[in-house]
Amino acid sequence: MVPTLHRSTVKVIGAKGQISLGKQYAGRQVLVEEQEPGVWLVRTVTVVPDNERWLHLPQAASDLEQALAWATTNPPDDANTEQFLKELADGRG
């Protein structure tokens, strides 16, 4: 478990409503929750697009593990490449 750090820093909100959190957070996405008027919780987040969410499901991880195990025990072999390409061209592949 990561230890909880509690640091307080006074920041000034600029004329355009912005504050700087520091260069270490440059380019990061953050979730800003307004817990009550004038009280915000800012957390770094990683956003997963809807069409990629399935990759984070347990079944996808299991399938990937099985595929990697298969690839480990079945090294690449191009011995039958010409025959495979011929069958593919003939519509049998």
C-alpha atoms as a PDB file:
ATOM      1  CA  MET A   1       0.000   0.000   0.000  1.00  0.00           C
ATOM      2  CA  VAL A   2       1.257   3.471  -0.864  1.00  0.00           C
ATOM      3  CA  PRO A   3       1.573   5.769   2.142  1.00  0.00           C
ATOM      4  CA  THR A   4      -0.820   8.687   2.178  1.00  0.00           C
ATOM      5  CA  LEU A   5       0.839  12.072   1.775  1.00  0.00           C
ATOM      6  CA  HIS A   6      -0.914  15.123   3.096  1.00  0.00           C
ATOM      7  CA  ARG A   7       0.672  18.321   1.862  1.00  0.00           C
ATOM      8  CA  SER A   8      -0.953  21.692   1.786  1.00  0.00           C
ATOM      9  CA  THR A   9       0.055  24.369  -0.653  1.00  0.00           C
ATOM     10  CA  VAL A  10      -1.543  27.740  -1.219  1.00  0.00           C
ATOM     11  CA  LYS A  11      -2.195  28.402  -4.902  1.00  0.00           C
ATOM     12  CA  VAL A  12      -3.705  31.461  -6.551  1.00  0.00           C
ATOM     13  CA  ILE A  13      -6.437  30.893  -9.121  1.00  0.00           C
ATOM     14  CA  GLY A  14      -5.541  32.983 -12.167  1.00  0.00           C
ATOM     15  CA  ALA A  15      -7.800  35.357 -14.040  1.00  0.00           C
ATOM     16  CA  LYS A  16      -8.808  32.526 -16.402  1.00  0.00           C
ATOM     17  CA  GLY A  17      -9.742  30.191 -13.536  1.00  0.00           C
ATOM     18  CA  GLN A  18      -6.592  28.071 -13.720  1.00  0.00           C
ATOM     19  CA  ILE A  19      -4.117  26.763 -11.164  1.00  0.00           C
ATOM     20  CA  SER A  20      -0.801  24.997 -11.718  1.00  0.00           C
ATOM     21  CA  LEU A  21      -0.250  21.653 -10.003  1.00  0.00           C
ATOM     22  CA  GLY A  22       3.396  21.371 -11.028  1.00  0.00           C
ATOM     23  CA  LYS A  23       5.395  20.118 -13.984  1.00  0.00           C
ATOM     24  CA  GLN A  24       5.321  16.528 -12.727  1.00  0.00           C
ATOM     25  CA  TYR A  25       1.632  16.452 -13.681  1.00  0.00           C
ATOM     26  CA  ALA A  26       1.999  18.121 -17.090  1.00  0.00           C
ATOM     27  CA  GLY A  27      -0.072  16.335 -19.713  1.00  0.00           C
ATOM     28  CA  ARG A  28      -1.838  14.090 -17.193  1.00  0.00           C
ATOM     29  CA  GLN A  29      -5.587  13.736 -17.025  1.00  0.00           C
ATOM     30  CA  VAL A  30      -7.226  14.555 -13.722  1.00  0.00           C
ATOM     31  CA  LEU A  31     -10.642  14.038 -12.218  1.00  0.00           C
ATOM     32  CA  VAL A  32     -11.904  17.105 -10.378  1.00  0.00           C
ATOM     33  CA  GLU A  33     -14.693  16.452  -7.889  1.00  0.00           C
ATOM     34  CA  GLU A  34     -16.462  19.347  -6.253  1.00  0.00           C
ATOM     35  CA  GLN A  35     -17.326  17.892  -2.875  1.00  0.00           C
ATOM     36  CA  GLU A  36     -19.067  21.067  -1.731  1.00  0.00           C
ATOM     37  CA  PRO A  37     -18.864  24.700  -2.842  1.00  0.00           C
ATOM     38  CA  GLY A  38     -15.206  25.716  -2.710  1.00  0.00           C
ATOM     39  CA  VAL A  39     -13.922  22.214  -1.859  1.00  0.00           C
ATOM     40  CA  TRP A  40     -12.365  20.191  -4.676  1.00  0.00           C
ATOM     41  CA  LEU A  41     -10.696  16.812  -4.773  1.00  0.00           C
ATOM     42  CA  VAL A  42      -8.257  16.496  -7.690  1.00  0.00           C
ATOM     43  CA  ARG A  43      -7.028  13.002  -8.604  1.00  0.00           C
ATOM     44  CA  THR A  44      -4.904  11.781 -11.499  1.00  0.00           C
ATOM     45  CA  VAL A  45      -6.757   9.266 -13.654  1.00  0.00           C
ATOM     46  CA  THR A  46      -6.297   7.051 -16.662  1.00  0.00           C
ATOM     47  CA  VAL A  47      -9.288   7.133 -18.975  1.00  0.00           C
ATOM     48  CA  VAL A  48     -10.047   3.971 -20.936  1.00  0.00           C
ATOM     49  CA  PRO A  49     -12.042   4.482 -24.151  1.00  0.00           C
ATOM     50  CA  ASP A  50     -15.311   2.511 -24.283  1.00  0.00           C
ATOM     51  CA  ASN A  51     -14.144   0.464 -27.275  1.00  0.00           C
ATOM     52  CA  GLU A  52     -11.038  -0.683 -25.341  1.00  0.00           C
ATOM     53  CA  ARG A  53     -12.730  -1.442 -22.005  1.00  0.00           C
ATOM     54  CA  TRP A  54     -13.022  -5.165 -22.865  1.00  0.00           C
ATOM     55  CA  LEU A  55      -9.221  -5.406 -22.737  1.00  0.00           C
ATOM     56  CA  HIS A  56      -9.374  -4.800 -18.977  1.00  0.00           C
ATOM     57  CA  LEU A  57     -11.857  -7.582 -18.260  1.00  0.00           C
ATOM     58  CA  PRO A  58     -10.659 -10.807 -16.580  1.00  0.00           C
ATOM     59  CA  GLN A  59     -11.586 -12.900 -19.653  1.00  0.00           C
ATOM     60  CA  ALA A  60      -9.300 -10.832 -21.895  1.00  0.00           C
ATOM     61  CA  ALA A  61      -6.406 -11.281 -19.456  1.00  0.00           C
ATOM     62  CA  SER A  62      -7.056 -15.032 -19.344  1.00  0.00           C
ATOM     63  CA  ASP A  63      -7.214 -15.281 -23.147  1.00  0.00           C
ATOM     64  CA  LEU A  64      -3.977 -13.332 -23.459  1.00  0.00           C
ATOM     65  CA  GLU A  65      -2.238 -15.588 -20.927  1.00  0.00           C
ATOM     66  CA  GLN A  66      -3.342 -18.668 -22.888  1.00  0.00           C
ATOM     67  CA  ALA A  67      -2.188 -17.142 -26.180  1.00  0.00           C
ATOM     68  CA  LEU A  68       1.213 -16.267 -24.734  1.00  0.00           C
ATOM     69  CA  ALA A  69       1.607 -19.762 -23.276  1.00  0.00           C
ATOM     70  CA  TRP A  70       0.738 -21.265 -26.679  1.00  0.00           C
ATOM     71  CA  ALA A  71       3.201 -18.953 -28.453  1.00  0.00           C
ATOM     72  CA  THR A  72       5.932 -19.973 -26.003  1.00  0.00           C
ATOM     73  CA  THR A  73       5.493 -23.672 -26.783  1.00  0.00           C
ATOM     74  CA  ASN A  74       4.866 -23.176 -30.519  1.00  0.00           C
ATOM     75  CA  PRO A  75       7.735 -21.173 -31.990  1.00  0.00           C
ATOM     76  CA  PRO A  76       7.234 -19.524 -35.385  1.00  0.00           C
ATOM     77  CA  ASP A  77       7.850 -21.797 -38.342  1.00  0.00           C
ATOM     78  CA  ASP A  78       7.769 -20.764 -41.977  1.00  0.00           C
ATOM     79  CA  ALA A  79       8.344 -24.256 -43.369  1.00  0.00           C
ATOM     80  CA  ASN A  80       4.898 -24.383 -45.018  1.00  0.00           C
ATOM     81  CA  THR A  81       4.584 -20.712 -45.969  1.00  0.00           C
ATOM     82  CA  GLU A  82       4.356 -21.296 -49.716  1.00  0.00           C
ATOM     83  CA  GLN A  83       1.633 -23.936 -49.311  1.00  0.00           C
ATOM     84  CA  PHE A  84      -0.293 -21.698 -46.891  1.00  0.00           C
ATOM     85  CA  LEU A  85      -0.129 -18.719 -49.263  1.00  0.00           C
ATOM     86  CA  LYS A  86      -1.306 -20.894 -52.168  1.00  0.00           C
ATOM     87  CA  GLU A  87      -4.273 -22.165 -50.153  1.00  0.00           C
ATOM     88  CA  LEU A  88      -5.048 -18.628 -49.049  1.00  0.00           C
ATOM     89  CA  ALA A  89      -5.023 -17.410 -52.654  1.00  0.00           C
ATOM     90  CA  ASP A  90      -7.267 -20.327 -53.682  1.00  0.00           C
ATOM     91  CA  GLY A  91      -9.774 -19.367 -50.981  1.00  0.00           C
ATOM     92  CA  ARG A  92      -9.103 -22.436 -48.824  1.00  0.00           C
ATOM     93  CA  GLY A  93      -7.148 -20.613 -46.094  1.00  0.00           C
END
